[in-house]
C-alpha atoms as a PDB file:
ATOM      1  CA  GLN A   1      54.310 -20.357  48.343  1.00  0.00           C
ATOM      2  CA  VAL A   2      52.745 -22.583  50.414  1.00  0.00           C
ATOM      3  CA  GLN A   3      53.754 -26.192  50.266  1.00  0.00           C
ATOM      4  CA  LEU A   4      52.156 -29.261  51.856  1.00  0.00           C
ATOM      5  CA  VAL A   5      54.429 -32.638  51.093  1.00  0.00           C
ATOM      6  CA  GLU A   6      53.050 -35.732  52.610  1.00  0.00           C
ATOM      7  CA  SER A   7      54.658 -38.944  52.927  1.00  0.00           C
ATOM      8  CA  GLY A   8      54.536 -42.238  54.916  1.00  0.00           C
ATOM      9  CA  GLY A   9      52.042 -44.168  52.979  1.00  0.00           C
ATOM     10  CA  GLY A  10      52.797 -47.711  51.908  1.00  0.00           C
ATOM     11  CA  LEU A  11      51.420 -51.115  51.725  1.00  0.00           C
ATOM     12  CA  VAL A  12      50.206 -52.687  54.869  1.00  0.00           C
ATOM     13  CA  GLN A  13      48.303 -55.889  56.096  1.00  0.00           C
ATOM     14  CA  PRO A  14      44.636 -55.313  58.148  1.00  0.00           C
ATOM     15  CA  GLY A  15      45.448 -54.611  61.346  1.00  0.00           C
ATOM     16  CA  GLY A  16      48.891 -52.945  60.886  1.00  0.00           C
ATOM     17  CA  SER A  17      50.076 -49.459  60.993  1.00  0.00           C
ATOM     18  CA  LEU A  18      51.495 -46.547  59.383  1.00  0.00           C
ATOM     19  CA  ARG A  19      52.488 -43.289  60.395  1.00  0.00           C
ATOM     20  CA  LEU A  20      52.231 -40.371  57.705  1.00  0.00           C
ATOM     21  CA  SER A  21      54.157 -36.976  57.846  1.00  0.00           C
ATOM     22  CA  CYS A  22      53.120 -33.664  56.078  1.00  0.00           C
ATOM     23  CA  ALA A  23      55.822 -30.959  55.926  1.00  0.00           C
ATOM     24  CA  ALA A  24      54.557 -27.865  55.844  1.00  0.00           C
ATOM     25  CA  SER A  25      56.233 -24.487  54.605  1.00  0.00           C
ATOM     26  CA  GLY A  26      55.301 -21.148  53.294  1.00  0.00           C
ATOM     27  CA  PHE A  27      53.144 -19.754  56.598  1.00  0.00           C
ATOM     28  CA  ILE A  28      53.377 -19.465  59.923  1.00  0.00           C
ATOM     29  CA  PHE A  29      52.755 -23.014  60.820  1.00  0.00           C
ATOM     30  CA  ARG A  30      52.089 -22.601  64.300  1.00  0.00           C
ATOM     31  CA  ASN A  31      49.186 -20.255  63.800  1.00  0.00           C
ATOM     32  CA  TYR A  32      47.057 -22.577  61.833  1.00  0.00           C
ATOM     33  CA  PRO A  33      45.066 -26.030  62.506  1.00  0.00           C
ATOM     34  CA  MET A  34      45.854 -28.681  60.445  1.00  0.00           C
ATOM     35  CA  MET A  35      43.577 -31.137  58.651  1.00  0.00           C
ATOM     36  CA  TRP A  36      44.247 -34.628  57.244  1.00  0.00           C
ATOM     37  CA  TYR A  37      41.482 -36.027  54.306  1.00  0.00           C
ATOM     38  CA  ARG A  38      41.721 -38.922  52.385  1.00  0.00           C
ATOM     39  CA  GLN A  39      39.941 -40.187  49.195  1.00  0.00           C
ATOM     40  CA  ALA A  40      39.236 -43.673  47.987  1.00  0.00           C
ATOM     41  CA  SER A  41      38.874 -45.095  44.472  1.00  0.00           C
ATOM     42  CA  GLU A  42      35.786 -43.327  43.170  1.00  0.00           C
ATOM     43  CA  LYS A  43      34.680 -41.707  46.417  1.00  0.00           C
ATOM     44  CA  GLU A  44      34.805 -38.156  47.195  1.00  0.00           C
ATOM     45  CA  ARG A  45      37.250 -36.733  49.302  1.00  0.00           C
ATOM     46  CA  GLU A  46      36.616 -37.239  53.299  1.00  0.00           C
ATOM     47  CA  TRP A  47      37.624 -35.322  56.642  1.00  0.00           C
ATOM     48  CA  VAL A  48      39.821 -37.583  58.699  1.00  0.00           C
ATOM     49  CA  ALA A  49      41.378 -35.757  61.611  1.00  0.00           C
ATOM     50  CA  THR A  50      41.707 -31.961  62.826  1.00  0.00           C
ATOM     51  CA  ILE A  51      44.574 -30.490  65.219  1.00  0.00           C
ATOM     52  CA  THR A  52      44.077 -26.987  66.341  1.00  0.00           C
ATOM     53  CA  SER A  53      46.659 -24.452  66.333  1.00  0.00           C
ATOM     54  CA  SER A  54      46.404 -24.142  70.334  1.00  0.00           C
ATOM     55  CA  VAL A  55      49.276 -24.445  72.597  1.00  0.00           C
ATOM     56  CA  ALA A  56      46.880 -27.492  73.800  1.00  0.00           C
ATOM     57  CA  SER A  57      46.707 -28.797  70.404  1.00  0.00           C
ATOM     58  CA  TYR A  58      42.836 -30.042  70.461  1.00  0.00           C
ATOM     59  CA  THR A  59      42.063 -32.805  67.748  1.00  0.00           C
ATOM     60  CA  ASN A  60      38.869 -34.073  66.484  1.00  0.00           C
ATOM     61  CA  TYR A  61      38.407 -37.432  64.354  1.00  0.00           C
ATOM     62  CA  ALA A  62      36.056 -38.552  61.954  1.00  0.00           C
ATOM     63  CA  ASP A  63      34.171 -41.305  63.530  1.00  0.00           C
ATOM     64  CA  SER A  64      35.567 -44.008  61.463  1.00  0.00           C
ATOM     65  CA  VAL A  65      38.695 -43.703  62.326  1.00  0.00           C
ATOM     66  CA  LYS A  66      38.033 -42.762  66.112  1.00  0.00           C
ATOM     67  CA  GLY A  67      40.225 -44.395  68.247  1.00  0.00           C
ATOM     68  CA  ARG A  68      42.298 -46.038  65.929  1.00  0.00           C
ATOM     69  CA  PHE A  69      44.179 -42.765  64.164  1.00  0.00           C
ATOM     70  CA  THR A  70      45.891 -39.926  66.235  1.00  0.00           C
ATOM     71  CA  ILE A  71      46.864 -36.568  64.848  1.00  0.00           C
ATOM     72  CA  SER A  72      50.050 -34.638  66.333  1.00  0.00           C
ATOM     73  CA  ARG A  73      52.183 -31.794  65.349  1.00  0.00           C
ATOM     74  CA  ASP A  74      55.386 -30.387  65.715  1.00  0.00           C
ATOM     75  CA  ASN A  75      55.329 -26.707  65.710  1.00  0.00           C
ATOM     76  CA  VAL A  76      59.257 -26.436  65.700  1.00  0.00           C
ATOM     77  CA  GLN A  77      59.446 -28.885  62.329  1.00  0.00           C
ATOM     78  CA  SER A  78      56.362 -27.652  60.873  1.00  0.00           C
ATOM     79  CA  THR A  79      54.922 -30.730  60.696  1.00  0.00           C
ATOM     80  CA  VAL A  80      51.998 -33.074  61.264  1.00  0.00           C
ATOM     81  CA  ASP A  81      51.465 -36.729  61.780  1.00  0.00           C
ATOM     82  CA  LEU A  82      48.794 -39.303  61.783  1.00  0.00           C
ATOM     83  CA  GLN A  83      49.310 -42.464  63.347  1.00  0.00           C
ATOM     84  CA  MET A  84      47.608 -44.900  62.158  1.00  0.00           C
ATOM     85  CA  ASN A  85      46.869 -48.112  63.950  1.00  0.00           C
ATOM     86  CA  SER A  86      44.482 -51.457  63.476  1.00  0.00           C
ATOM     87  CA  LEU A  87      44.041 -50.515  59.758  1.00  0.00           C
ATOM     88  CA  LYS A  88      41.048 -51.951  58.014  1.00  0.00           C
ATOM     89  CA  LEU A  89      40.336 -52.401  53.948  1.00  0.00           C
ATOM     90  CA  GLU A  90      38.336 -49.668  54.162  1.00  0.00           C
ATOM     91  CA  ASP A  91      41.338 -47.342  55.202  1.00  0.00           C
ATOM     92  CA  THR A  92      42.622 -47.844  51.636  1.00  0.00           C
ATOM     93  CA  ALA A  93      42.981 -44.085  50.371  1.00  0.00           C
ATOM     94  CA  VAL A  94      45.203 -41.281  49.023  1.00  0.00           C
ATOM     95  CA  TYR A  95      45.704 -39.105  51.961  1.00  0.00           C
ATOM     96  CA  TYR A  96      45.931 -35.544  51.654  1.00  0.00           C
ATOM     97  CA  CYS A  97      47.276 -32.797  54.330  1.00  0.00           C
ATOM     98  CA  HIS A  98      45.305 -29.658  54.352  1.00  0.00           C
ATOM     99  CA  VAL A  99      45.408 -26.251  55.445  1.00  0.00           C
ATOM    100  CA  HIS A 100      43.147 -23.099  55.410  1.00  0.00           C
ATOM    101  CA  LEU A 101      44.873 -20.122  55.159  1.00  0.00           C
ATOM    102  CA  PRO A 102      44.084 -16.047  54.341  1.00  0.00           C
ATOM    103  CA  THR A 103      44.866 -14.981  51.407  1.00  0.00           C
ATOM    104  CA  ALA A 104      44.890 -11.344  50.026  1.00  0.00           C
ATOM    105  CA  SER A 105      41.748 -12.371  47.819  1.00  0.00           C
ATOM    106  CA  GLY A 106      40.035 -14.506  50.479  1.00  0.00           C
ATOM    107  CA  PRO A 107      40.614 -17.896  52.537  1.00  0.00           C
ATOM    108  CA  LYS A 108      42.180 -20.726  50.483  1.00  0.00           C
ATOM    109  CA  GLY A 109      42.553 -23.898  51.147  1.00  0.00           C
ATOM    110  CA  PHE A 110      45.996 -25.822  50.214  1.00  0.00           C
ATOM    111  CA  TRP A 111      46.698 -29.177  49.619  1.00  0.00           C
ATOM    112  CA  GLY A 112      49.454 -31.581  49.338  1.00  0.00           C
ATOM    113  CA  GLN A 113      50.000 -34.306  46.304  1.00  0.00           C
ATOM    114  CA  GLY A 114      48.570 -36.853  48.671  1.00  0.00           C
ATOM    115  CA  THR A 115      50.425 -39.991  49.875  1.00  0.00           C
ATOM    116  CA  HIS A 116      48.785 -43.486  49.096  1.00  0.00           C
ATOM    117  CA  VAL A 117      47.778 -46.062  51.650  1.00  0.00           C
ATOM    118  CA  THR A 118      46.842 -49.590  50.871  1.00  0.00           C
ATOM    119  CA  VAL A 119      45.501 -52.026  53.245  1.00  0.00           C
ATOM    120  CA  SER A 120      45.567 -55.379  51.976  1.00  0.00           C
ATOM    121  CA  SER A 121      46.141 -58.998  52.892  1.00  0.00           C
END
């Protein structure tokens, strides 16, 4: 079955960096765009970044993280990473890996369990 397992979260000071990783299995990873979302306490889940499935791996970012975060993928290892630099207090959230896949009952979104990122001095 489809599995997404995030790792790399932790506690970091403002201005610091973290690298999140998501290990995917159960589907042909290289064929699908991958996304990162985040959800801060008492807020709705929000989209952070997308990387396409193409060889060129086009990327797109939420305005709030543009220029600070970088999404990348390794189609051999079936992983998608999120390099987070210049972290701010407002980046504190649970970060989730996400993929949309076709299923017998129609398109379905799959989520990992999330990894906690806390930015605090």
